[in-house]
Amino acid sequence: MMPFLIAAVVITAVAAVFDVKTGNIPNWLTLPPLFLAPVAHYIYASSHGVEAAEVPYEAGFSVAGALVTGIVPIMLFRQNAIGGGDVKMLAALGALCQPSLGLEVELYTFVAAIVIAPARLAYDGKLLATLKNTGFLMLNPILPKEKRRTVEPEVMSWFRLGPCMLIGAAVTVYLHWGSK
């Protein structure tokens, strides 16, 4: 499993650079691992002594990893909270790492985002305004119409998730280095 985790770190490192520089994670980086990971798991399992009847399950776990790790990002994407490249990259990480480790990478990604985003917003001088807008976005659905406030899209803050994915993958590799 370690080769797949190392591949995840390498891919997220490239994604982090692109995300920081351009604000996008390109399809040529996300789609190949997403679609080739099941094949790679099949080949890896068949060449590493996994019983022949169990080899197809490795490919199936890869597909399951993409689906499981894609659920929360798709919901966030539908709420315009993250970008499509983030969704595809997290699903690709799930395909590479399979469900258990894929969810672990995703968890550490979001933990990193929870720590880094407020620090970044404070550094940019946008933390209080963002917290105020977040409060309005959360309360508007339950407030009476006359007390609701509109939050203009131009005052919303965007956060690059690519570096956090690199942190999530690196932490997962660190925690599992030397394990089977």
C-alpha atoms as a PDB file:
ATOM      1  CA  MET A   1       0.000   0.000   0.000  1.00  0.00           C
ATOM      2  CA  MET A   2       2.952   2.293   0.590  1.00  0.00           C
ATOM      3  CA  PRO A   3       3.620   2.836  -3.159  1.00  0.00           C
ATOM      4  CA  PHE A   4       0.070   4.174  -3.511  1.00  0.00           C
ATOM      5  CA  LEU A   5       0.511   6.505  -0.543  1.00  0.00           C
ATOM      6  CA  ILE A   6       3.782   7.811  -1.952  1.00  0.00           C
ATOM      7  CA  ALA A   7       2.052   8.361  -5.309  1.00  0.00           C
ATOM      8  CA  ALA A   8      -0.651  10.281  -3.436  1.00  0.00           C
ATOM      9  CA  VAL A   9       1.968  12.574  -1.891  1.00  0.00           C
ATOM     10  CA  VAL A  10       3.652  13.198  -5.239  1.00  0.00           C
ATOM     11  CA  ILE A  11       0.350  13.932  -6.985  1.00  0.00           C
ATOM     12  CA  THR A  12      -0.866  16.218  -4.209  1.00  0.00           C
ATOM     13  CA  ALA A  13       2.464  18.070  -4.247  1.00  0.00           C
ATOM     14  CA  VAL A  14       1.966  18.855  -7.938  1.00  0.00           C
ATOM     15  CA  ALA A  15      -1.691  19.729  -7.285  1.00  0.00           C
ATOM     16  CA  ALA A  16      -0.701  22.074  -4.454  1.00  0.00           C
ATOM     17  CA  VAL A  17       1.698  23.960  -6.708  1.00  0.00           C
ATOM     18  CA  PHE A  18      -0.912  24.329  -9.450  1.00  0.00           C
ATOM     19  CA  ASP A  19      -3.629  25.294  -6.963  1.00  0.00           C
ATOM     20  CA  VAL A  20      -1.493  27.996  -5.357  1.00  0.00           C
ATOM     21  CA  LYS A  21      -0.210  29.404  -8.659  1.00  0.00           C
ATOM     22  CA  THR A  22      -3.339  29.178 -10.835  1.00  0.00           C
ATOM     23  CA  GLY A  23      -6.259  28.483  -8.509  1.00  0.00           C
ATOM     24  CA  ASN A  24      -6.986  25.263 -10.407  1.00  0.00           C
ATOM     25  CA  ILE A  25      -6.113  21.612 -10.115  1.00  0.00           C
ATOM     26  CA  PRO A  26      -5.948  20.372 -13.716  1.00  0.00           C
ATOM     27  CA  ASN A  27      -7.882  17.386 -15.028  1.00  0.00           C
ATOM     28  CA  TRP A  28      -4.719  15.840 -16.472  1.00  0.00           C
ATOM     29  CA  LEU A  29      -3.541  15.493 -12.876  1.00  0.00           C
ATOM     30  CA  THR A  30      -6.746  14.230 -11.255  1.00  0.00           C
ATOM     31  CA  LEU A  31      -8.391  11.985 -13.840  1.00  0.00           C
ATOM     32  CA  PRO A  32      -5.561   9.523 -14.620  1.00  0.00           C
ATOM     33  CA  PRO A  33      -5.147   8.414 -10.982  1.00  0.00           C
ATOM     34  CA  LEU A  34      -8.907   8.307 -10.567  1.00  0.00           C
ATOM     35  CA  PHE A  35      -9.386   5.922 -13.480  1.00  0.00           C
ATOM     36  CA  LEU A  36      -6.068   4.043 -13.420  1.00  0.00           C
ATOM     37  CA  ALA A  37      -5.872   3.349  -9.670  1.00  0.00           C
ATOM     38  CA  PRO A  38      -8.236   0.333  -9.819  1.00  0.00           C
ATOM     39  CA  VAL A  39      -6.094  -1.207 -12.575  1.00  0.00           C
ATOM     40  CA  ALA A  40      -2.916  -0.443 -10.630  1.00  0.00           C
ATOM     41  CA  HIS A  41      -4.352  -2.050  -7.481  1.00  0.00           C
ATOM     42  CA  TYR A  42      -5.320  -5.129  -9.485  1.00  0.00           C
ATOM     43  CA  ILE A  43      -1.820  -5.441 -10.966  1.00  0.00           C
ATOM     44  CA  TYR A  44      -0.113  -4.726  -7.646  1.00  0.00           C
ATOM     45  CA  ALA A  45      -2.209  -7.292  -5.792  1.00  0.00           C
ATOM     46  CA  SER A  46      -1.705  -9.986  -8.420  1.00  0.00           C
ATOM     47  CA  SER A  47       2.060  -9.459  -8.415  1.00  0.00           C
ATOM     48  CA  HIS A  48       2.437  -9.340  -4.619  1.00  0.00           C
ATOM     49  CA  GLY A  49       1.126 -12.746  -3.612  1.00  0.00           C
ATOM     50  CA  VAL A  50      -2.520 -11.905  -3.066  1.00  0.00           C
ATOM     51  CA  GLU A  51      -4.701 -14.968  -3.623  1.00  0.00           C
ATOM     52  CA  ALA A  52      -6.136 -14.944  -7.157  1.00  0.00           C
ATOM     53  CA  ALA A  53      -9.743 -14.909  -5.947  1.00  0.00           C
ATOM     54  CA  GLU A  54      -9.024 -11.808  -3.831  1.00  0.00           C
ATOM     55  CA  VAL A  55      -7.261  -9.734  -6.517  1.00  0.00           C
ATOM     56  CA  PRO A  56     -10.468  -8.278  -8.060  1.00  0.00           C
ATOM     57  CA  TYR A  57     -11.493  -7.031  -4.628  1.00  0.00           C
ATOM     58  CA  GLU A  58      -8.453  -4.743  -4.568  1.00  0.00           C
ATOM     59  CA  ALA A  59      -9.705  -3.017  -7.712  1.00  0.00           C
ATOM     60  CA  GLY A  60     -13.200  -2.879  -6.218  1.00  0.00           C
ATOM     61  CA  PHE A  61     -11.850  -1.297  -3.024  1.00  0.00           C
ATOM     62  CA  SER A  62     -10.173   1.321  -5.182  1.00  0.00           C
ATOM     63  CA  VAL A  63     -13.490   2.215  -6.826  1.00  0.00           C
ATOM     64  CA  ALA A  64     -15.157   2.200  -3.395  1.00  0.00           C
ATOM     65  CA  GLY A  65     -12.440   4.539  -2.105  1.00  0.00           C
ATOM     66  CA  ALA A  66     -13.192   7.035  -4.872  1.00  0.00           C
ATOM     67  CA  LEU A  67     -16.911   6.897  -4.130  1.00  0.00           C
ATOM     68  CA  VAL A  68     -16.596   7.117  -0.355  1.00  0.00           C
ATOM     69  CA  THR A  69     -14.073   9.938  -0.350  1.00  0.00           C
ATOM     70  CA  GLY A  70     -16.064  11.798  -2.993  1.00  0.00           C
ATOM     71  CA  ILE A  71     -19.328  12.055  -1.046  1.00  0.00           C
ATOM     72  CA  VAL A  72     -18.493  14.968   1.274  1.00  0.00           C
ATOM     73  CA  PRO A  73     -16.536  16.921  -1.370  1.00  0.00           C
ATOM     74  CA  ILE A  74     -19.443  16.637  -3.830  1.00  0.00           C
ATOM     75  CA  MET A  75     -21.814  18.013  -1.201  1.00  0.00           C
ATOM     76  CA  LEU A  76     -19.395  20.870  -0.501  1.00  0.00           C
ATOM     77  CA  PHE A  77     -19.047  21.538  -4.231  1.00  0.00           C
ATOM     78  CA  ARG A  78     -22.829  21.733  -4.610  1.00  0.00           C
ATOM     79  CA  GLN A  79     -22.818  24.404  -1.900  1.00  0.00           C
ATOM     80  CA  ASN A  80     -20.057  26.285  -3.756  1.00  0.00           C
ATOM     81  CA  ALA A  81     -17.717  25.661  -0.818  1.00  0.00           C
ATOM     82  CA  ILE A  82     -14.917  23.952  -2.781  1.00  0.00           C
ATOM     83  CA  GLY A  83     -13.940  23.692  -6.422  1.00  0.00           C
ATOM     84  CA  GLY A  84     -14.394  20.846  -8.861  1.00  0.00           C
ATOM     85  CA  GLY A  85     -10.661  20.146  -8.975  1.00  0.00           C
ATOM     86  CA  ASP A  86     -10.707  19.609  -5.205  1.00  0.00           C
ATOM     87  CA  VAL A  87     -13.534  17.076  -5.589  1.00  0.00           C
ATOM     88  CA  LYS A  88     -11.739  15.165  -8.337  1.00  0.00           C
ATOM     89  CA  MET A  89      -8.441  15.185  -6.462  1.00  0.00           C
ATOM     90  CA  LEU A  90     -10.010  13.880  -3.244  1.00  0.00           C
ATOM     91  CA  ALA A  91     -11.805  11.151  -5.202  1.00  0.00           C
ATOM     92  CA  ALA A  92      -8.520  10.259  -6.925  1.00  0.00           C
ATOM     93  CA  LEU A  93      -6.833  10.057  -3.529  1.00  0.00           C
ATOM     94  CA  GLY A  94      -9.593   7.720  -2.410  1.00  0.00           C
ATOM     95  CA  ALA A  95      -9.034   5.554  -5.476  1.00  0.00           C
ATOM     96  CA  LEU A  96      -5.292   5.464  -4.842  1.00  0.00           C
ATOM     97  CA  CYS A  97      -5.500   4.858  -1.107  1.00  0.00           C
ATOM     98  CA  GLN A  98      -8.752   2.838  -0.991  1.00  0.00           C
ATOM     99  CA  PRO A  99     -11.544   3.643   1.502  1.00  0.00           C
ATOM    100  CA  SER A 100      -9.815   3.494   4.871  1.00  0.00           C
ATOM    101  CA  LEU A 101      -6.640   5.389   4.029  1.00  0.00           C
ATOM    102  CA  GLY A 102      -8.494   7.607   1.545  1.00  0.00           C
ATOM    103  CA  LEU A 103     -10.813   8.795   4.304  1.00  0.00           C
ATOM    104  CA  GLU A 104      -7.794   9.291   6.529  1.00  0.00           C
ATOM    105  CA  VAL A 105      -6.135  11.505   3.905  1.00  0.00           C
ATOM    106  CA  GLU A 106      -9.396  13.424   3.515  1.00  0.00           C
ATOM    107  CA  LEU A 107      -9.767  13.857   7.283  1.00  0.00           C
ATOM    108  CA  TYR A 108      -6.243  15.234   7.658  1.00  0.00           C
ATOM    109  CA  THR A 109      -6.861  17.480   4.639  1.00  0.00           C
ATOM    110  CA  PHE A 110      -9.887  19.057   6.277  1.00  0.00           C
ATOM    111  CA  VAL A 111      -8.134  19.312   9.659  1.00  0.00           C
ATOM    112  CA  ALA A 112      -5.274  21.161   7.957  1.00  0.00           C
ATOM    113  CA  ALA A 113      -7.808  23.456   6.285  1.00  0.00           C
ATOM    114  CA  ILE A 114      -9.504  24.149   9.623  1.00  0.00           C
ATOM    115  CA  VAL A 115      -6.162  25.215  11.090  1.00  0.00           C
ATOM    116  CA  ILE A 116      -4.707  27.067   8.095  1.00  0.00           C
ATOM    117  CA  ALA A 117      -7.781  28.891   6.745  1.00  0.00           C
ATOM    118  CA  PRO A 118      -8.414  31.110   9.795  1.00  0.00           C
ATOM    119  CA  ALA A 119      -4.703  31.894  10.049  1.00  0.00           C
ATOM    120  CA  ARG A 120      -4.619  32.850   6.367  1.00  0.00           C
ATOM    121  CA  LEU A 121      -7.763  34.972   6.690  1.00  0.00           C
ATOM    122  CA  ALA A 122      -6.332  36.746   9.741  1.00  0.00           C
ATOM    123  CA  TYR A 123      -3.078  37.399   7.866  1.00  0.00           C
ATOM    124  CA  ASP A 124      -5.067  38.881   4.956  1.00  0.00           C
ATOM    125  CA  GLY A 125      -7.187  40.975   7.340  1.00  0.00           C
ATOM    126  CA  LYS A 126     -10.400  39.169   6.320  1.00  0.00           C
ATOM    127  CA  LEU A 127     -11.067  36.926   9.320  1.00  0.00           C
ATOM    128  CA  LEU A 128     -13.700  39.039  11.087  1.00  0.00           C
ATOM    129  CA  ALA A 129     -15.553  39.894   7.873  1.00  0.00           C
ATOM    130  CA  THR A 130     -15.543  36.229   6.865  1.00  0.00           C
ATOM    131  CA  LEU A 131     -16.844  35.136  10.264  1.00  0.00           C
ATOM    132  CA  LYS A 132     -19.596  37.756  10.023  1.00  0.00           C
ATOM    133  CA  ASN A 133     -20.571  36.565   6.513  1.00  0.00           C
ATOM    134  CA  THR A 134     -20.493  32.949   7.688  1.00  0.00           C
ATOM    135  CA  GLY A 135     -22.830  33.826  10.542  1.00  0.00           C
ATOM    136  CA  PHE A 136     -25.288  35.437   8.127  1.00  0.00           C
ATOM    137  CA  LEU A 137     -25.108  32.473   5.763  1.00  0.00           C
ATOM    138  CA  MET A 138     -25.821  30.093   8.636  1.00  0.00           C
ATOM    139  CA  LEU A 139     -28.612  32.130  10.215  1.00  0.00           C
ATOM    140  CA  ASN A 140     -30.394  33.434   7.105  1.00  0.00           C
ATOM    141  CA  PRO A 141     -32.404  30.251   6.515  1.00  0.00           C
ATOM    142  CA  ILE A 142     -33.953  30.422  10.000  1.00  0.00           C
ATOM    143  CA  LEU A 143     -34.361  34.211  10.303  1.00  0.00           C
ATOM    144  CA  PRO A 144     -37.557  36.004   9.285  1.00  0.00           C
ATOM    145  CA  LYS A 145     -37.293  37.538   5.792  1.00  0.00           C
ATOM    146  CA  GLU A 146     -37.064  41.114   7.084  1.00  0.00           C
ATOM    147  CA  LYS A 147     -34.013  40.280   9.237  1.00  0.00           C
ATOM    148  CA  ARG A 148     -32.061  38.353   6.590  1.00  0.00           C
ATOM    149  CA  ARG A 149     -28.941  39.895   5.086  1.00  0.00           C
ATOM    150  CA  THR A 150     -27.589  39.181   1.667  1.00  0.00           C
ATOM    151  CA  VAL A 151     -23.959  38.281   1.352  1.00  0.00           C
ATOM    152  CA  GLU A 152     -22.559  39.483  -1.942  1.00  0.00           C
ATOM    153  CA  PRO A 153     -20.378  36.968  -3.804  1.00  0.00           C
ATOM    154  CA  GLU A 154     -17.533  39.477  -4.135  1.00  0.00           C
ATOM    155  CA  VAL A 155     -17.059  39.610  -0.342  1.00  0.00           C
ATOM    156  CA  MET A 156     -16.765  35.846  -0.054  1.00  0.00           C
ATOM    157  CA  SER A 157     -13.294  34.422   0.599  1.00  0.00           C
ATOM    158  CA  TRP A 158     -11.749  31.563  -1.365  1.00  0.00           C
ATOM    159  CA  PHE A 159      -9.230  29.184   0.103  1.00  0.00           C
ATOM    160  CA  ARG A 160      -6.871  26.921  -1.843  1.00  0.00           C
ATOM    161  CA  LEU A 161      -7.322  23.341  -0.636  1.00  0.00           C
ATOM    162  CA  GLY A 162      -4.432  21.864  -2.663  1.00  0.00           C
ATOM    163  CA  PRO A 163      -1.735  22.494  -0.027  1.00  0.00           C
ATOM    164  CA  CYS A 164      -3.996  20.995   2.641  1.00  0.00           C
ATOM    165  CA  MET A 165      -4.354  17.837   0.532  1.00  0.00           C
ATOM    166  CA  LEU A 166      -0.568  17.583   0.433  1.00  0.00           C
ATOM    167  CA  ILE A 167      -0.474  17.884   4.214  1.00  0.00           C
ATOM    168  CA  GLY A 168      -3.209  15.237   4.537  1.00  0.00           C
ATOM    169  CA  ALA A 169      -1.365  12.790   2.290  1.00  0.00           C
ATOM    170  CA  ALA A 170       1.989  13.458   3.970  1.00  0.00           C
ATOM    171  CA  VAL A 171       0.568  12.970   7.473  1.00  0.00           C
ATOM    172  CA  THR A 172      -1.043   9.699   6.390  1.00  0.00           C
ATOM    173  CA  VAL A 173       2.265   8.454   4.933  1.00  0.00           C
ATOM    174  CA  TYR A 174       4.082   9.485   8.100  1.00  0.00           C
ATOM    175  CA  LEU A 175       1.597   7.649  10.325  1.00  0.00           C
ATOM    176  CA  HIS A 176       1.693   4.477   8.222  1.00  0.00           C
ATOM    177  CA  TRP A 177       5.380   4.396   7.282  1.00  0.00           C
ATOM    178  CA  GLY A 178       6.718   0.938   7.968  1.00  0.00           C
ATOM    179  CA  SER A 179       3.296  -0.687   8.406  1.00  0.00           C
ATOM    180  CA  LYS A 180       2.008  -3.327   6.035  1.00  0.00           C
END
